Amino acid sequence: MTQLPMIVDAAGMGALLEKHPHLTTNGIEELGAVHFAEHRQDMYSNRVQLEVNHCLAFLSAFTTIKTPKASSYSLKHRAEKWGVGDTRYVHNGSAIAAGVLLDLPVRFDGLNPQFGISAPELDWIFYDGRKPYAGARIRQPRGWEEFLRWRASVEQI
């Protein structure tokens, strides 16, 4: 059984951001980038903490693989698909923060780092019960039922 993820708070976000000075809501940005300061400050908001917690629960459902291949931007969109309330939009930086906090294998290469998440499980997210094309390698994420229970509990708050 998958253990539900930690809940990140302001102190946890502060510690994460201290270790990753280029992490902003937009992704991994250069210090001199346009709007860097604004994007960086947004990472301390309650809204982003909510998004990170959603991404922690979402990404915890998936099998970790050694080779990082899934971009943070694709993870952001998949997390949005299963968001509730304020997490129907997720910043790229929130997905990155969750991946780093979960200690997923990561390759930092530009704005959208790659994470080690099972591709067949990520692909399963988009099928919505429809029959995939012949030969498709998809499978339900190992912790999916637990994620759905967590999501249902959040909807009731």
N, C-alpha and C. Protein backbone atom coordinates (compact mmCIF):
# COMPACT_ATOMS: atom_id res chain seq x y z
N MET A 1 0.84 -1.18 0.00
CA MET A 1 0.00 0.00 0.00
C MET A 1 0.88 1.25 0.00
N THR A 2 0.50 2.20 -0.81
CA THR A 2 1.23 3.45 -0.89
C THR A 2 0.93 4.30 0.34
N GLN A 3 1.94 4.88 0.92
CA GLN A 3 1.75 5.78 2.05
C GLN A 3 1.40 7.16 1.52
N LEU A 4 0.36 7.77 2.09
CA LEU A 4 0.00 9.12 1.65
C LEU A 4 1.16 10.07 1.91
N PRO A 5 1.31 11.07 1.05
CA PRO A 5 2.47 11.96 1.15
C PRO A 5 2.39 12.91 2.34
N MET A 6 3.56 13.45 2.65
CA MET A 6 3.63 14.46 3.69
C MET A 6 2.83 15.69 3.27
N ILE A 7 2.46 16.48 4.20
CA ILE A 7 1.78 17.73 3.90
C ILE A 7 2.81 18.85 4.07
N VAL A 8 3.03 19.57 3.00
CA VAL A 8 4.03 20.64 3.05
C VAL A 8 3.37 21.90 3.61
N ASP A 9 4.09 22.58 4.48
CA ASP A 9 3.61 23.83 5.06
C ASP A 9 4.59 24.94 4.67
N ALA A 10 4.39 26.12 5.24
CA ALA A 10 5.24 27.27 4.89
C ALA A 10 6.71 26.98 5.22
N ALA A 11 6.97 26.35 6.36
CA ALA A 11 8.35 26.04 6.74
C ALA A 11 8.97 25.04 5.76
N GLY A 12 8.19 24.05 5.36
CA GLY A 12 8.68 23.07 4.40
C GLY A 12 8.97 23.69 3.05
N MET A 13 8.11 24.61 2.62
CA MET A 13 8.34 25.30 1.36
C MET A 13 9.58 26.17 1.45
N GLY A 14 9.75 26.85 2.58
CA GLY A 14 10.92 27.70 2.77
C GLY A 14 12.21 26.89 2.68
N ALA A 15 12.23 25.73 3.33
CA ALA A 15 13.41 24.87 3.30
C ALA A 15 13.69 24.37 1.88
N LEU A 16 12.65 23.99 1.18
CA LEU A 16 12.80 23.52 -0.20
C LEU A 16 13.36 24.63 -1.09
N LEU A 17 12.80 25.81 -0.96
CA LEU A 17 13.22 26.92 -1.81
C LEU A 17 14.64 27.39 -1.49
N GLU A 18 15.05 27.22 -0.25
CA GLU A 18 16.43 27.55 0.11
C GLU A 18 17.41 26.61 -0.59
N LYS A 19 17.03 25.34 -0.72
CA LYS A 19 17.89 24.36 -1.40
C LYS A 19 17.84 24.50 -2.92
N HIS A 20 16.77 25.10 -3.44
CA HIS A 20 16.58 25.21 -4.90
C HIS A 20 16.30 26.68 -5.26
N PRO A 21 17.34 27.50 -5.31
CA PRO A 21 17.16 28.95 -5.51
C PRO A 21 16.62 29.34 -6.88
N HIS A 22 16.58 28.43 -7.84
CA HIS A 22 16.06 28.75 -9.18
C HIS A 22 14.62 28.30 -9.37
N LEU A 23 14.03 27.66 -8.36
CA LEU A 23 12.67 27.15 -8.46
C LEU A 23 11.65 28.28 -8.29
N THR A 24 10.80 28.44 -9.30
CA THR A 24 9.72 29.44 -9.26
C THR A 24 8.43 28.76 -9.70
N THR A 25 7.32 29.49 -9.66
CA THR A 25 6.06 28.93 -10.14
C THR A 25 6.13 28.57 -11.61
N ASN A 26 7.01 29.22 -12.35
CA ASN A 26 7.15 28.97 -13.78
C ASN A 26 8.02 27.74 -14.09
N GLY A 27 8.82 27.32 -13.15
CA GLY A 27 9.73 26.19 -13.35
C GLY A 27 11.10 26.52 -12.79
N ILE A 28 12.13 26.03 -13.44
CA ILE A 28 13.51 26.32 -13.03
C ILE A 28 13.97 27.49 -13.90
N GLU A 29 14.06 28.67 -13.29
CA GLU A 29 14.38 29.90 -14.02
C GLU A 29 15.75 30.44 -13.62
N GLU A 30 16.37 31.13 -14.55
CA GLU A 30 17.61 31.83 -14.26
C GLU A 30 17.30 33.04 -13.37
N LEU A 31 18.22 33.38 -12.49
CA LEU A 31 18.00 34.46 -11.54
C LEU A 31 17.64 35.79 -12.20
N GLY A 32 18.16 36.06 -13.37
CA GLY A 32 17.88 37.33 -14.03
C GLY A 32 16.68 37.29 -14.97
N ALA A 33 15.93 36.20 -14.99
CA ALA A 33 14.81 36.07 -15.92
C ALA A 33 13.74 37.13 -15.64
N VAL A 34 13.05 37.52 -16.69
CA VAL A 34 11.93 38.47 -16.56
C VAL A 34 10.90 37.85 -15.60
N HIS A 35 10.43 38.61 -14.66
CA HIS A 35 9.42 38.18 -13.67
C HIS A 35 9.93 37.14 -12.68
N PHE A 36 11.26 36.90 -12.64
CA PHE A 36 11.80 35.90 -11.71
C PHE A 36 11.36 36.19 -10.27
N ALA A 37 11.55 37.42 -9.81
CA ALA A 37 11.24 37.75 -8.41
C ALA A 37 9.76 37.51 -8.09
N GLU A 38 8.90 37.88 -9.01
CA GLU A 38 7.45 37.66 -8.81
C GLU A 38 7.13 36.17 -8.76
N HIS A 39 7.67 35.41 -9.71
CA HIS A 39 7.42 33.96 -9.75
C HIS A 39 7.98 33.27 -8.52
N ARG A 40 9.11 33.75 -8.06
CA ARG A 40 9.74 33.17 -6.87
C ARG A 40 8.90 33.46 -5.62
N GLN A 41 8.46 34.70 -5.48
CA GLN A 41 7.65 35.07 -4.31
C GLN A 41 6.35 34.29 -4.26
N ASP A 42 5.77 34.02 -5.43
CA ASP A 42 4.52 33.26 -5.49
C ASP A 42 4.66 31.86 -4.91
N MET A 43 5.88 31.31 -4.92
CA MET A 43 6.10 29.97 -4.37
C MET A 43 5.80 29.90 -2.88
N TYR A 44 5.79 31.03 -2.20
CA TYR A 44 5.51 31.06 -0.76
C TYR A 44 4.02 31.20 -0.44
N SER A 45 3.19 31.28 -1.45
CA SER A 45 1.76 31.52 -1.23
C SER A 45 1.03 30.27 -0.75
N ASN A 46 -0.08 30.48 -0.05
CA ASN A 46 -0.92 29.37 0.40
C ASN A 46 -1.45 28.59 -0.80
N ARG A 47 -1.76 29.29 -1.87
CA ARG A 47 -2.27 28.65 -3.08
C ARG A 47 -1.27 27.63 -3.61
N VAL A 48 0.00 28.00 -3.70
CA VAL A 48 1.03 27.09 -4.20
C VAL A 48 1.23 25.92 -3.23
N GLN A 49 1.16 26.18 -1.93
CA GLN A 49 1.26 25.08 -0.96
C GLN A 49 0.14 24.06 -1.19
N LEU A 50 -1.06 24.54 -1.47
CA LEU A 50 -2.19 23.66 -1.78
C LEU A 50 -1.90 22.84 -3.04
N GLU A 51 -1.38 23.49 -4.06
CA GLU A 51 -1.04 22.80 -5.31
C GLU A 51 0.03 21.75 -5.07
N VAL A 52 1.06 22.09 -4.28
CA VAL A 52 2.14 21.15 -4.01
C VAL A 52 1.59 19.94 -3.27
N ASN A 53 0.71 20.15 -2.30
CA ASN A 53 0.12 19.03 -1.57
C ASN A 53 -0.69 18.13 -2.50
N HIS A 54 -1.43 18.74 -3.42
CA HIS A 54 -2.18 17.95 -4.40
C HIS A 54 -1.21 17.13 -5.26
N CYS A 55 -0.14 17.76 -5.72
CA CYS A 55 0.84 17.06 -6.55
C CYS A 55 1.56 15.97 -5.76
N LEU A 56 1.80 16.19 -4.48
CA LEU A 56 2.41 15.15 -3.64
C LEU A 56 1.52 13.91 -3.62
N ALA A 57 0.23 14.11 -3.40
CA ALA A 57 -0.70 12.98 -3.37
C ALA A 57 -0.78 12.32 -4.74
N PHE A 58 -0.88 13.13 -5.78
CA PHE A 58 -1.01 12.62 -7.14
C PHE A 58 0.23 11.82 -7.55
N LEU A 59 1.41 12.40 -7.40
CA LEU A 59 2.63 11.73 -7.83
C LEU A 59 2.95 10.50 -6.98
N SER A 60 2.47 10.46 -5.74
CA SER A 60 2.69 9.30 -4.88
C SER A 60 2.00 8.05 -5.40
N ALA A 61 1.02 8.23 -6.27
CA ALA A 61 0.28 7.09 -6.82
C ALA A 61 1.09 6.30 -7.84
N PHE A 62 2.14 6.91 -8.39
CA PHE A 62 2.85 6.31 -9.51
C PHE A 62 4.11 5.54 -9.11
N THR A 63 4.44 4.57 -9.93
CA THR A 63 5.66 3.81 -9.75
C THR A 63 6.85 4.67 -10.18
N THR A 64 7.88 4.68 -9.37
CA THR A 64 9.10 5.41 -9.67
C THR A 64 10.00 4.55 -10.55
N ILE A 65 10.62 5.18 -11.54
CA ILE A 65 11.61 4.49 -12.37
C ILE A 65 12.94 5.22 -12.25
N LYS A 66 14.02 4.56 -12.60
CA LYS A 66 15.36 5.13 -12.44
C LYS A 66 15.66 6.27 -13.41
N THR A 67 15.19 6.13 -14.65
CA THR A 67 15.55 7.09 -15.68
C THR A 67 14.49 8.19 -15.80
N PRO A 68 14.84 9.43 -15.49
CA PRO A 68 13.88 10.53 -15.59
C PRO A 68 13.50 10.80 -17.05
N LYS A 69 12.21 10.67 -17.36
CA LYS A 69 11.73 10.89 -18.73
C LYS A 69 10.48 11.76 -18.79
N ALA A 70 9.76 11.88 -17.70
CA ALA A 70 8.50 12.63 -17.69
C ALA A 70 8.77 14.08 -17.31
N SER A 71 8.44 15.01 -18.20
CA SER A 71 8.71 16.43 -17.91
C SER A 71 7.76 16.94 -16.84
N SER A 72 8.26 17.89 -16.08
CA SER A 72 7.42 18.50 -15.04
C SER A 72 6.16 19.11 -15.65
N TYR A 73 6.28 19.61 -16.87
CA TYR A 73 5.13 20.25 -17.51
C TYR A 73 4.04 19.22 -17.84
N SER A 74 4.43 18.02 -18.26
CA SER A 74 3.43 16.98 -18.51
C SER A 74 2.82 16.51 -17.19
N LEU A 75 3.62 16.44 -16.12
CA LEU A 75 3.09 16.05 -14.81
C LEU A 75 2.11 17.09 -14.29
N LYS A 76 2.41 18.36 -14.52
CA LYS A 76 1.52 19.46 -14.12
C LYS A 76 0.16 19.28 -14.76
N HIS A 77 0.13 19.01 -16.06
CA HIS A 77 -1.15 18.86 -16.77
C HIS A 77 -1.91 17.63 -16.32
N ARG A 78 -1.22 16.57 -16.05
CA ARG A 78 -1.91 15.36 -15.57
C ARG A 78 -2.47 15.58 -14.17
N ALA A 79 -1.73 16.30 -13.32
CA ALA A 79 -2.23 16.61 -11.98
C ALA A 79 -3.46 17.51 -12.04
N GLU A 80 -3.46 18.45 -12.99
CA GLU A 80 -4.62 19.34 -13.15
C GLU A 80 -5.87 18.56 -13.53
N LYS A 81 -5.70 17.55 -14.36
CA LYS A 81 -6.84 16.74 -14.81
C LYS A 81 -7.58 16.15 -13.62
N TRP A 82 -6.87 15.87 -12.53
CA TRP A 82 -7.47 15.25 -11.35
C TRP A 82 -7.55 16.21 -10.17
N GLY A 83 -7.41 17.50 -10.43
CA GLY A 83 -7.49 18.48 -9.36
C GLY A 83 -8.93 18.73 -8.93
N VAL A 84 -9.08 19.27 -7.74
CA VAL A 84 -10.39 19.67 -7.23
C VAL A 84 -10.27 21.10 -6.73
N GLY A 85 -11.32 21.87 -6.91
CA GLY A 85 -11.31 23.24 -6.43
C GLY A 85 -10.14 24.04 -6.98
N ASP A 86 -9.33 24.60 -6.07
CA ASP A 86 -8.20 25.44 -6.45
C ASP A 86 -7.06 24.67 -7.12
N THR A 87 -7.10 23.35 -7.11
CA THR A 87 -6.02 22.60 -7.75
C THR A 87 -6.39 22.17 -9.17
N ARG A 88 -7.42 22.76 -9.74
CA ARG A 88 -7.71 22.50 -11.15
C ARG A 88 -6.71 23.21 -12.04
N TYR A 89 -5.98 24.15 -11.46
CA TYR A 89 -4.81 24.73 -12.12
C TYR A 89 -3.62 24.47 -11.20
N VAL A 90 -2.54 24.00 -11.77
CA VAL A 90 -1.32 23.72 -11.01
C VAL A 90 -0.15 24.39 -11.72
N HIS A 91 0.64 25.14 -10.99
CA HIS A 91 1.85 25.75 -11.56
C HIS A 91 2.90 24.67 -11.82
N ASN A 92 3.69 24.89 -12.83
CA ASN A 92 4.80 23.99 -13.14
C ASN A 92 5.71 23.83 -11.93
N GLY A 93 6.00 24.92 -11.24
CA GLY A 93 6.85 24.88 -10.06
C GLY A 93 6.28 24.02 -8.94
N SER A 94 4.95 23.93 -8.85
CA SER A 94 4.32 23.08 -7.83
C SER A 94 4.58 21.61 -8.12
N ALA A 95 4.50 21.22 -9.39
CA ALA A 95 4.79 19.83 -9.77
C ALA A 95 6.27 19.52 -9.51
N ILE A 96 7.14 20.46 -9.81
CA ILE A 96 8.57 20.27 -9.57
C ILE A 96 8.83 20.13 -8.08
N ALA A 97 8.25 21.01 -7.28
CA ALA A 97 8.44 20.96 -5.82
C ALA A 97 8.01 19.60 -5.27
N ALA A 98 6.86 19.11 -5.72
CA ALA A 98 6.37 17.82 -5.23
C ALA A 98 7.32 16.69 -5.63
N GLY A 99 7.79 16.71 -6.86
CA GLY A 99 8.72 15.67 -7.30
C GLY A 99 10.00 15.67 -6.50
N VAL A 100 10.51 16.86 -6.20
CA VAL A 100 11.74 16.98 -5.40
C VAL A 100 11.47 16.52 -3.96
N LEU A 101 10.34 16.94 -3.38
CA LEU A 101 10.02 16.54 -2.00
C LEU A 101 9.84 15.03 -1.88
N LEU A 102 9.33 14.39 -2.94
CA LEU A 102 9.16 12.93 -2.93
C LEU A 102 10.46 12.19 -3.26
N ASP A 103 11.51 12.97 -3.53
CA ASP A 103 12.81 12.40 -3.85
C ASP A 103 12.77 11.50 -5.08
N LEU A 104 11.99 11.92 -6.08
CA LEU A 104 11.93 11.19 -7.34
C LEU A 104 13.24 11.39 -8.10
N PRO A 105 13.65 10.41 -8.88
CA PRO A 105 14.81 10.64 -9.75
C PRO A 105 14.52 11.84 -10.64
N VAL A 106 15.48 12.74 -10.74
CA VAL A 106 15.25 13.99 -11.49
C VAL A 106 16.48 14.34 -12.32
N ARG A 107 16.22 14.93 -13.48
CA ARG A 107 17.29 15.48 -14.32
C ARG A 107 16.91 16.94 -14.57
N PHE A 108 17.67 17.85 -13.99
CA PHE A 108 17.42 19.27 -14.18
C PHE A 108 18.05 19.70 -15.50
N ASP A 109 17.21 20.05 -16.45
CA ASP A 109 17.72 20.49 -17.75
C ASP A 109 16.78 21.55 -18.31
N GLY A 110 16.92 22.74 -17.79
CA GLY A 110 16.09 23.84 -18.26
C GLY A 110 14.87 24.08 -17.41
N LEU A 111 13.91 24.75 -17.99
CA LEU A 111 12.69 25.17 -17.29
C LEU A 111 11.89 24.00 -16.74
N ASN A 112 11.85 22.87 -17.48
CA ASN A 112 11.01 21.72 -17.13
C ASN A 112 11.86 20.47 -16.87
N PRO A 113 12.25 20.25 -15.62
CA PRO A 113 13.05 19.06 -15.31
C PRO A 113 12.29 17.77 -15.66
N GLN A 114 13.03 16.71 -15.82
CA GLN A 114 12.47 15.39 -16.09
C GLN A 114 12.45 14.59 -14.79
N PHE A 115 11.37 13.83 -14.58
CA PHE A 115 11.26 12.99 -13.37
C PHE A 115 11.07 11.53 -13.75
N GLY A 116 11.50 10.65 -12.86
CA GLY A 116 11.39 9.21 -13.08
C GLY A 116 10.05 8.66 -12.63
N ILE A 117 9.08 8.72 -13.52
CA ILE A 117 7.72 8.23 -13.27
C ILE A 117 7.36 7.26 -14.39
N SER A 118 6.66 6.20 -14.07
CA SER A 118 6.28 5.18 -15.05
C SER A 118 5.45 5.75 -16.19
N ALA A 119 5.94 5.62 -17.42
CA ALA A 119 5.22 6.12 -18.60
C ALA A 119 3.89 5.39 -18.83
N PRO A 120 3.84 4.04 -18.72
CA PRO A 120 2.54 3.38 -18.91
C PRO A 120 1.47 3.85 -17.92
N GLU A 121 1.89 4.17 -16.71
CA GLU A 121 0.93 4.67 -15.72
C GLU A 121 0.50 6.10 -16.04
N LEU A 122 1.45 6.94 -16.47
CA LEU A 122 1.09 8.31 -16.85
C LEU A 122 0.15 8.31 -18.05
N ASP A 123 0.41 7.44 -19.01
CA ASP A 123 -0.45 7.36 -20.19
C ASP A 123 -1.86 6.91 -19.83
N TRP A 124 -1.98 6.06 -18.81
CA TRP A 124 -3.29 5.55 -18.38
C TRP A 124 -4.21 6.70 -17.98
N ILE A 125 -3.65 7.76 -17.42
CA ILE A 125 -4.43 8.90 -16.93
C ILE A 125 -5.31 9.50 -18.02
N PHE A 126 -4.84 9.52 -19.26
CA PHE A 126 -5.58 10.17 -20.33
C PHE A 126 -6.63 9.30 -21.01
N TYR A 127 -6.68 8.01 -20.70
CA TYR A 127 -7.63 7.14 -21.41
C TYR A 127 -9.05 7.20 -20.87
N ASP A 128 -9.25 7.57 -19.61
CA ASP A 128 -10.60 7.73 -19.05
C ASP A 128 -11.52 6.55 -19.33
N GLY A 129 -10.99 5.34 -19.28
CA GLY A 129 -11.82 4.17 -19.50
C GLY A 129 -12.04 3.81 -20.96
N ARG A 130 -11.57 4.66 -21.88
CA ARG A 130 -11.70 4.34 -23.31
C ARG A 130 -10.70 3.26 -23.67
N LYS A 131 -11.01 2.50 -24.67
CA LYS A 131 -10.10 1.45 -25.12
C LYS A 131 -8.89 2.10 -25.80
N PRO A 132 -7.68 1.78 -25.33
CA PRO A 132 -6.49 2.36 -25.96
C PRO A 132 -6.23 1.72 -27.33
N TYR A 133 -5.38 2.33 -28.09
CA TYR A 133 -5.01 1.78 -29.39
C TYR A 133 -4.32 0.42 -29.21
N ALA A 134 -4.39 -0.40 -30.22
CA ALA A 134 -3.80 -1.74 -30.17
C ALA A 134 -2.30 -1.63 -29.84
N GLY A 135 -1.87 -2.42 -28.91
CA GLY A 135 -0.46 -2.44 -28.54
C GLY A 135 -0.05 -1.40 -27.51
N ALA A 136 -1.00 -0.59 -27.07
CA ALA A 136 -0.68 0.44 -26.08
C ALA A 136 -0.24 -0.22 -24.78
N ARG A 137 0.83 0.30 -24.21
CA ARG A 137 1.31 -0.19 -22.92
C ARG A 137 0.86 0.79 -21.85
N ILE A 138 -0.32 0.55 -21.31
CA ILE A 138 -0.80 1.41 -20.24
C ILE A 138 -1.22 0.54 -19.06
N ARG A 139 -1.15 1.10 -17.88
CA ARG A 139 -1.64 0.40 -16.70
C ARG A 139 -2.02 1.42 -15.64
N GLN A 140 -2.97 1.04 -14.83
CA GLN A 140 -3.41 1.92 -13.75
C GLN A 140 -2.27 2.09 -12.76
N PRO A 141 -2.04 3.32 -12.29
CA PRO A 141 -0.99 3.54 -11.28
C PRO A 141 -1.23 2.69 -10.04
N ARG A 142 -0.17 2.18 -9.46
CA ARG A 142 -0.25 1.25 -8.33
C ARG A 142 -0.98 1.84 -7.12
N GLY A 143 -0.89 3.13 -6.91
CA GLY A 143 -1.52 3.75 -5.75
C GLY A 143 -2.75 4.57 -6.11
N TRP A 144 -3.38 4.26 -7.25
CA TRP A 144 -4.47 5.09 -7.74
C TRP A 144 -5.67 5.11 -6.81
N GLU A 145 -6.08 3.97 -6.29
CA GLU A 145 -7.26 3.92 -5.42
C GLU A 145 -7.04 4.75 -4.16
N GLU A 146 -5.84 4.70 -3.63
CA GLU A 146 -5.52 5.49 -2.44
C GLU A 146 -5.56 6.99 -2.76
N PHE A 147 -5.04 7.36 -3.93
CA PHE A 147 -5.12 8.76 -4.35
C PHE A 147 -6.58 9.19 -4.47
N LEU A 148 -7.44 8.37 -5.05
CA LEU A 148 -8.86 8.74 -5.20
C LEU A 148 -9.54 8.91 -3.84
N ARG A 149 -9.17 8.08 -2.87
CA ARG A 149 -9.73 8.25 -1.51
C ARG A 149 -9.26 9.58 -0.91
N TRP A 150 -7.97 9.89 -1.09
CA TRP A 150 -7.44 11.18 -0.58
C TRP A 150 -8.17 12.33 -1.25
N ARG A 151 -8.33 12.24 -2.57
CA ARG A 151 -9.00 13.30 -3.33
C ARG A 151 -10.44 13.50 -2.86
N ALA A 152 -11.15 12.40 -2.60
CA ALA A 152 -12.53 12.49 -2.11
C ALA A 152 -12.59 13.17 -0.74
N SER A 153 -11.59 12.89 0.11
CA SER A 153 -11.57 13.51 1.44
C SER A 153 -11.32 15.01 1.32
N VAL A 154 -10.51 15.43 0.35
CA VAL A 154 -10.22 16.84 0.14
C VAL A 154 -11.46 17.58 -0.41
N GLU A 155 -12.21 16.90 -1.26
CA GLU A 155 -13.43 17.51 -1.84
C GLU A 155 -14.43 17.87 -0.76
N GLN A 156 -14.41 17.13 0.35
CA GLN A 156 -15.39 17.35 1.42
C GLN A 156 -15.01 18.49 2.34
N ILE A 157 -13.80 19.00 2.23
CA ILE A 157 -13.35 20.08 3.11
C ILE A 157 -13.91 21.41 2.65
